[in-house]
Amino acid sequence: MGRARQLADRYVDRVNAGDLDGIVALFAADAELLNPLGHFAGCEQVRGFYEKTILAVTPRVTAAGWIEQDNRIAFELQARVDGYDAVQYAMDHLTVAADGDHIARMALYYRQISQ
């Protein structure tokens, strides 16, 4: 298992734990996060995104379909949220920073869920 997969596994674990500080700690100080809501740069913007969106709905996430090459990994996510019958599907793409310990860039692809 490469470094990208290790970071992706830690990311999924921290999302499931609702660990905002732990999620933010995975990102490099100058990290980029892209998703349908916009572009977020740096740890403070990443924190705000997770606090106001992802962790606000307390998802239970499972990951599968891993495709890893060098310092990049793409993986599928299934998220279940209390109060919603539907499963939310997403595709995440993560790039490891030069230090090998943090996420330099993460792109999240999903559609907004509605009840």
N, C-alpha and C. Protein backbone atom coordinates (compact mmCIF):
# COMPACT_ATOMS: atom_id res chain seq x y z
N MET A 1 0.85 -1.19 0.00
CA MET A 1 0.00 0.00 0.00
C MET A 1 0.88 1.24 0.00
N GLY A 2 0.62 2.13 -0.95
CA GLY A 2 1.41 3.35 -1.07
C GLY A 2 0.96 4.45 -0.13
N ARG A 3 1.70 5.53 -0.14
CA ARG A 3 1.43 6.66 0.76
C ARG A 3 0.08 7.31 0.46
N ALA A 4 -0.28 7.40 -0.82
CA ALA A 4 -1.58 8.00 -1.18
C ALA A 4 -2.72 7.19 -0.57
N ARG A 5 -2.64 5.87 -0.64
CA ARG A 5 -3.69 5.02 -0.07
C ARG A 5 -3.75 5.17 1.45
N GLN A 6 -2.59 5.26 2.07
CA GLN A 6 -2.56 5.44 3.53
C GLN A 6 -3.25 6.74 3.92
N LEU A 7 -2.97 7.82 3.21
CA LEU A 7 -3.62 9.10 3.50
C LEU A 7 -5.12 9.03 3.23
N ALA A 8 -5.51 8.37 2.15
CA ALA A 8 -6.93 8.24 1.83
C ALA A 8 -7.65 7.44 2.92
N ASP A 9 -7.04 6.37 3.40
CA ASP A 9 -7.64 5.58 4.49
C ASP A 9 -7.80 6.42 5.75
N ARG A 10 -6.78 7.21 6.07
CA ARG A 10 -6.87 8.08 7.25
C ARG A 10 -7.96 9.13 7.07
N TYR A 11 -8.08 9.64 5.87
CA TYR A 11 -9.12 10.62 5.57
C TYR A 11 -10.51 10.02 5.82
N VAL A 12 -10.77 8.85 5.27
CA VAL A 12 -12.07 8.19 5.46
C VAL A 12 -12.34 7.93 6.94
N ASP A 13 -11.33 7.45 7.66
CA ASP A 13 -11.48 7.20 9.10
C ASP A 13 -11.85 8.47 9.85
N ARG A 14 -11.21 9.57 9.52
CA ARG A 14 -11.46 10.83 10.23
C ARG A 14 -12.80 11.44 9.87
N VAL A 15 -13.22 11.27 8.62
CA VAL A 15 -14.57 11.73 8.26
C VAL A 15 -15.60 10.94 9.05
N ASN A 16 -15.44 9.63 9.11
CA ASN A 16 -16.38 8.79 9.86
C ASN A 16 -16.38 9.10 11.35
N ALA A 17 -15.25 9.53 11.88
CA ALA A 17 -15.16 9.88 13.30
C ALA A 17 -15.67 11.29 13.57
N GLY A 18 -15.94 12.06 12.50
CA GLY A 18 -16.36 13.45 12.69
C GLY A 18 -15.25 14.31 13.26
N ASP A 19 -14.01 13.95 12.97
CA ASP A 19 -12.82 14.58 13.54
C ASP A 19 -12.34 15.74 12.66
N LEU A 20 -12.91 16.91 12.87
CA LEU A 20 -12.56 18.08 12.05
C LEU A 20 -11.09 18.41 12.14
N ASP A 21 -10.54 18.49 13.35
CA ASP A 21 -9.11 18.80 13.50
C ASP A 21 -8.25 17.75 12.81
N GLY A 22 -8.63 16.49 12.92
CA GLY A 22 -7.88 15.42 12.29
C GLY A 22 -7.92 15.49 10.78
N ILE A 23 -9.08 15.85 10.21
CA ILE A 23 -9.18 16.00 8.76
C ILE A 23 -8.28 17.13 8.30
N VAL A 24 -8.38 18.28 8.95
CA VAL A 24 -7.59 19.45 8.55
C VAL A 24 -6.09 19.16 8.67
N ALA A 25 -5.69 18.39 9.68
CA ALA A 25 -4.27 18.05 9.87
C ALA A 25 -3.72 17.21 8.73
N LEU A 26 -4.58 16.55 7.98
CA LEU A 26 -4.11 15.76 6.84
C LEU A 26 -3.69 16.63 5.67
N PHE A 27 -4.16 17.87 5.62
CA PHE A 27 -3.90 18.75 4.50
C PHE A 27 -2.64 19.60 4.72
N ALA A 28 -1.87 19.81 3.65
CA ALA A 28 -0.73 20.72 3.70
C ALA A 28 -1.23 22.14 3.92
N ALA A 29 -0.38 22.99 4.45
CA ALA A 29 -0.78 24.37 4.76
C ALA A 29 -1.31 25.11 3.52
N ASP A 30 -0.77 24.78 2.35
CA ASP A 30 -1.19 25.46 1.12
C ASP A 30 -2.04 24.55 0.23
N ALA A 31 -2.71 23.60 0.83
CA ALA A 31 -3.51 22.63 0.08
C ALA A 31 -4.67 23.29 -0.66
N GLU A 32 -5.11 22.60 -1.71
CA GLU A 32 -6.29 23.01 -2.47
C GLU A 32 -7.35 21.93 -2.36
N LEU A 33 -8.59 22.35 -2.22
CA LEU A 33 -9.73 21.44 -2.22
C LEU A 33 -10.73 21.98 -3.23
N LEU A 34 -11.13 21.13 -4.17
CA LEU A 34 -12.08 21.53 -5.20
C LEU A 34 -13.29 20.62 -5.13
N ASN A 35 -14.47 21.21 -5.31
CA ASN A 35 -15.70 20.42 -5.33
C ASN A 35 -16.80 21.26 -5.98
N PRO A 36 -18.01 20.72 -6.11
CA PRO A 36 -19.07 21.49 -6.77
C PRO A 36 -19.39 22.84 -6.12
N LEU A 37 -19.03 23.02 -4.86
CA LEU A 37 -19.31 24.29 -4.18
C LEU A 37 -18.23 25.33 -4.41
N GLY A 38 -17.08 24.93 -4.96
CA GLY A 38 -16.03 25.90 -5.24
C GLY A 38 -14.64 25.40 -4.98
N HIS A 39 -13.73 26.35 -4.88
CA HIS A 39 -12.31 26.11 -4.68
C HIS A 39 -11.93 26.66 -3.31
N PHE A 40 -11.27 25.83 -2.52
CA PHE A 40 -10.88 26.22 -1.17
C PHE A 40 -9.37 26.06 -1.05
N ALA A 41 -8.68 27.10 -0.62
CA ALA A 41 -7.22 27.09 -0.55
C ALA A 41 -6.76 27.34 0.88
N GLY A 42 -5.84 26.50 1.34
CA GLY A 42 -5.28 26.65 2.68
C GLY A 42 -6.13 25.97 3.73
N CYS A 43 -5.52 25.69 4.85
CA CYS A 43 -6.16 24.91 5.91
C CYS A 43 -7.41 25.58 6.50
N GLU A 44 -7.41 26.90 6.62
CA GLU A 44 -8.59 27.56 7.20
C GLU A 44 -9.81 27.43 6.30
N GLN A 45 -9.61 27.57 4.99
CA GLN A 45 -10.73 27.40 4.08
C GLN A 45 -11.17 25.94 4.02
N VAL A 46 -10.22 25.02 4.07
CA VAL A 46 -10.55 23.59 4.10
C VAL A 46 -11.37 23.30 5.37
N ARG A 47 -10.94 23.83 6.50
CA ARG A 47 -11.67 23.66 7.76
C ARG A 47 -13.10 24.16 7.62
N GLY A 48 -13.27 25.35 7.09
CA GLY A 48 -14.60 25.92 6.94
C GLY A 48 -15.49 25.07 6.06
N PHE A 49 -14.93 24.55 4.96
CA PHE A 49 -15.70 23.69 4.07
C PHE A 49 -16.20 22.45 4.81
N TYR A 50 -15.32 21.73 5.50
CA TYR A 50 -15.73 20.49 6.18
C TYR A 50 -16.69 20.77 7.33
N GLU A 51 -16.44 21.84 8.04
CA GLU A 51 -17.29 22.18 9.18
C GLU A 51 -18.71 22.52 8.74
N LYS A 52 -18.85 23.26 7.64
CA LYS A 52 -20.16 23.74 7.21
C LYS A 52 -20.89 22.79 6.28
N THR A 53 -20.19 21.83 5.70
CA THR A 53 -20.85 20.95 4.72
C THR A 53 -20.77 19.48 5.13
N ILE A 54 -19.64 18.87 4.92
CA ILE A 54 -19.51 17.42 5.11
C ILE A 54 -19.83 16.99 6.54
N LEU A 55 -19.17 17.57 7.52
CA LEU A 55 -19.37 17.13 8.90
C LEU A 55 -20.68 17.63 9.50
N ALA A 56 -21.28 18.62 8.87
CA ALA A 56 -22.56 19.13 9.36
C ALA A 56 -23.67 18.09 9.23
N VAL A 57 -23.50 17.13 8.32
CA VAL A 57 -24.53 16.10 8.12
C VAL A 57 -24.14 14.74 8.70
N THR A 58 -22.98 14.65 9.34
CA THR A 58 -22.50 13.43 10.00
C THR A 58 -22.62 12.19 9.10
N PRO A 59 -21.87 12.16 8.00
CA PRO A 59 -21.97 11.01 7.09
C PRO A 59 -21.28 9.77 7.65
N ARG A 60 -21.74 8.63 7.21
CA ARG A 60 -21.06 7.35 7.42
C ARG A 60 -20.57 6.92 6.05
N VAL A 61 -19.26 6.92 5.88
CA VAL A 61 -18.64 6.77 4.57
C VAL A 61 -17.94 5.43 4.44
N THR A 62 -18.10 4.80 3.27
CA THR A 62 -17.30 3.63 2.91
C THR A 62 -16.61 3.94 1.59
N ALA A 63 -15.41 3.41 1.43
CA ALA A 63 -14.63 3.67 0.22
C ALA A 63 -14.34 2.36 -0.49
N ALA A 64 -14.24 2.45 -1.82
CA ALA A 64 -13.95 1.28 -2.65
C ALA A 64 -13.38 1.76 -3.98
N GLY A 65 -13.01 0.81 -4.82
CA GLY A 65 -12.58 1.14 -6.17
C GLY A 65 -11.33 1.98 -6.21
N TRP A 66 -10.33 1.61 -5.44
CA TRP A 66 -9.09 2.38 -5.34
C TRP A 66 -8.26 2.26 -6.61
N ILE A 67 -7.78 3.40 -7.12
CA ILE A 67 -6.84 3.41 -8.25
C ILE A 67 -5.69 4.32 -7.81
N GLU A 68 -4.53 3.71 -7.56
CA GLU A 68 -3.39 4.46 -7.04
C GLU A 68 -2.24 4.41 -8.03
N GLN A 69 -1.61 5.56 -8.22
CA GLN A 69 -0.41 5.63 -9.04
C GLN A 69 0.50 6.71 -8.47
N ASP A 70 1.68 6.32 -8.10
CA ASP A 70 2.67 7.24 -7.53
C ASP A 70 2.08 8.01 -6.35
N ASN A 71 2.01 9.34 -6.46
CA ASN A 71 1.53 10.15 -5.33
C ASN A 71 0.06 10.56 -5.49
N ARG A 72 -0.69 9.80 -6.30
CA ARG A 72 -2.11 10.13 -6.53
C ARG A 72 -2.97 8.90 -6.32
N ILE A 73 -4.21 9.16 -5.90
CA ILE A 73 -5.17 8.08 -5.77
C ILE A 73 -6.57 8.62 -6.05
N ALA A 74 -7.34 7.81 -6.74
CA ALA A 74 -8.76 8.10 -6.96
C ALA A 74 -9.54 6.98 -6.29
N PHE A 75 -10.67 7.33 -5.68
CA PHE A 75 -11.47 6.31 -5.01
C PHE A 75 -12.93 6.74 -4.97
N GLU A 76 -13.80 5.72 -4.94
CA GLU A 76 -15.24 5.94 -4.87
C GLU A 76 -15.66 5.95 -3.41
N LEU A 77 -16.62 6.80 -3.11
CA LEU A 77 -17.19 6.86 -1.76
C LEU A 77 -18.70 6.66 -1.82
N GLN A 78 -19.20 5.97 -0.82
CA GLN A 78 -20.64 5.89 -0.60
C GLN A 78 -20.89 6.49 0.77
N ALA A 79 -21.82 7.42 0.84
CA ALA A 79 -22.12 8.08 2.11
C ALA A 79 -23.59 7.90 2.45
N ARG A 80 -23.82 7.55 3.67
CA ARG A 80 -25.18 7.48 4.20
C ARG A 80 -25.31 8.56 5.27
N VAL A 81 -26.44 9.26 5.22
CA VAL A 81 -26.68 10.36 6.14
C VAL A 81 -28.02 10.12 6.81
N ASP A 82 -28.06 10.26 8.14
CA ASP A 82 -29.32 10.10 8.86
C ASP A 82 -30.36 11.06 8.30
N GLY A 83 -31.58 10.55 8.13
CA GLY A 83 -32.66 11.38 7.62
C GLY A 83 -32.83 11.32 6.12
N TYR A 84 -31.90 10.67 5.43
CA TYR A 84 -31.98 10.52 3.97
C TYR A 84 -32.01 9.04 3.63
N ASP A 85 -32.92 8.66 2.76
CA ASP A 85 -33.01 7.27 2.34
C ASP A 85 -31.95 6.92 1.31
N ALA A 86 -31.60 7.89 0.48
CA ALA A 86 -30.68 7.64 -0.62
C ALA A 86 -29.23 7.57 -0.14
N VAL A 87 -28.45 6.81 -0.88
CA VAL A 87 -27.01 6.77 -0.67
C VAL A 87 -26.39 7.83 -1.57
N GLN A 88 -25.48 8.61 -1.04
CA GLN A 88 -24.77 9.63 -1.82
C GLN A 88 -23.48 9.00 -2.34
N TYR A 89 -23.25 9.13 -3.63
CA TYR A 89 -22.03 8.60 -4.24
C TYR A 89 -21.10 9.75 -4.59
N ALA A 90 -19.81 9.53 -4.42
CA ALA A 90 -18.82 10.55 -4.73
C ALA A 90 -17.58 9.89 -5.31
N MET A 91 -16.80 10.68 -5.99
CA MET A 91 -15.50 10.26 -6.50
C MET A 91 -14.48 11.27 -6.00
N ASP A 92 -13.47 10.79 -5.29
CA ASP A 92 -12.45 11.67 -4.75
C ASP A 92 -11.11 11.40 -5.43
N HIS A 93 -10.35 12.44 -5.62
CA HIS A 93 -9.01 12.34 -6.20
C HIS A 93 -8.07 13.10 -5.29
N LEU A 94 -7.06 12.43 -4.78
CA LEU A 94 -6.15 12.99 -3.78
C LEU A 94 -4.73 12.97 -4.33
N THR A 95 -4.00 14.06 -4.13
CA THR A 95 -2.59 14.14 -4.49
C THR A 95 -1.79 14.38 -3.23
N VAL A 96 -0.75 13.57 -3.02
CA VAL A 96 0.10 13.69 -1.84
C VAL A 96 1.09 14.83 -2.04
N ALA A 97 1.30 15.61 -0.99
CA ALA A 97 2.26 16.71 -1.01
C ALA A 97 3.69 16.18 -1.12
N ALA A 98 4.62 17.05 -1.48
CA ALA A 98 6.02 16.67 -1.64
C ALA A 98 6.62 16.08 -0.36
N ASP A 99 6.10 16.49 0.81
CA ASP A 99 6.63 15.96 2.07
C ASP A 99 6.21 14.51 2.32
N GLY A 100 5.26 14.01 1.54
CA GLY A 100 4.81 12.62 1.67
C GLY A 100 3.87 12.38 2.83
N ASP A 101 3.56 13.40 3.60
CA ASP A 101 2.74 13.24 4.81
C ASP A 101 1.41 13.96 4.78
N HIS A 102 1.17 14.77 3.76
CA HIS A 102 -0.04 15.58 3.72
C HIS A 102 -0.69 15.54 2.34
N ILE A 103 -1.93 15.99 2.31
CA ILE A 103 -2.66 16.11 1.06
C ILE A 103 -2.36 17.48 0.46
N ALA A 104 -1.87 17.50 -0.78
CA ALA A 104 -1.60 18.76 -1.46
C ALA A 104 -2.84 19.26 -2.18
N ARG A 105 -3.61 18.33 -2.74
CA ARG A 105 -4.79 18.70 -3.53
C ARG A 105 -5.80 17.58 -3.42
N MET A 106 -7.05 17.96 -3.26
CA MET A 106 -8.12 16.98 -3.22
C MET A 106 -9.30 17.52 -4.01
N ALA A 107 -9.80 16.69 -4.91
CA ALA A 107 -10.97 17.05 -5.69
C ALA A 107 -12.08 16.07 -5.33
N LEU A 108 -13.23 16.61 -4.96
CA LEU A 108 -14.40 15.82 -4.58
C LEU A 108 -15.48 16.04 -5.62
N TYR A 109 -15.96 14.97 -6.21
CA TYR A 109 -17.00 15.07 -7.24
C TYR A 109 -18.25 14.39 -6.72
N TYR A 110 -19.33 15.14 -6.62
CA TYR A 110 -20.60 14.59 -6.15
C TYR A 110 -21.73 15.51 -6.54
N ARG A 111 -22.93 14.97 -6.43
CA ARG A 111 -24.13 15.79 -6.62
C ARG A 111 -24.74 16.06 -5.27
N GLN A 112 -25.34 17.21 -5.12
CA GLN A 112 -26.03 17.54 -3.88
C GLN A 112 -27.17 16.55 -3.65
N ILE A 113 -27.37 16.13 -2.41
CA ILE A 113 -28.49 15.24 -2.12
C ILE A 113 -29.71 16.06 -1.73
N SER A 114 -30.86 15.52 -2.04
CA SER A 114 -32.10 16.18 -1.65
C SER A 114 -33.04 15.10 -1.14
N GLN A 115 -33.92 15.48 -0.25
CA GLN A 115 -34.84 14.52 0.34
C GLN A 115 -36.05 14.33 -0.52
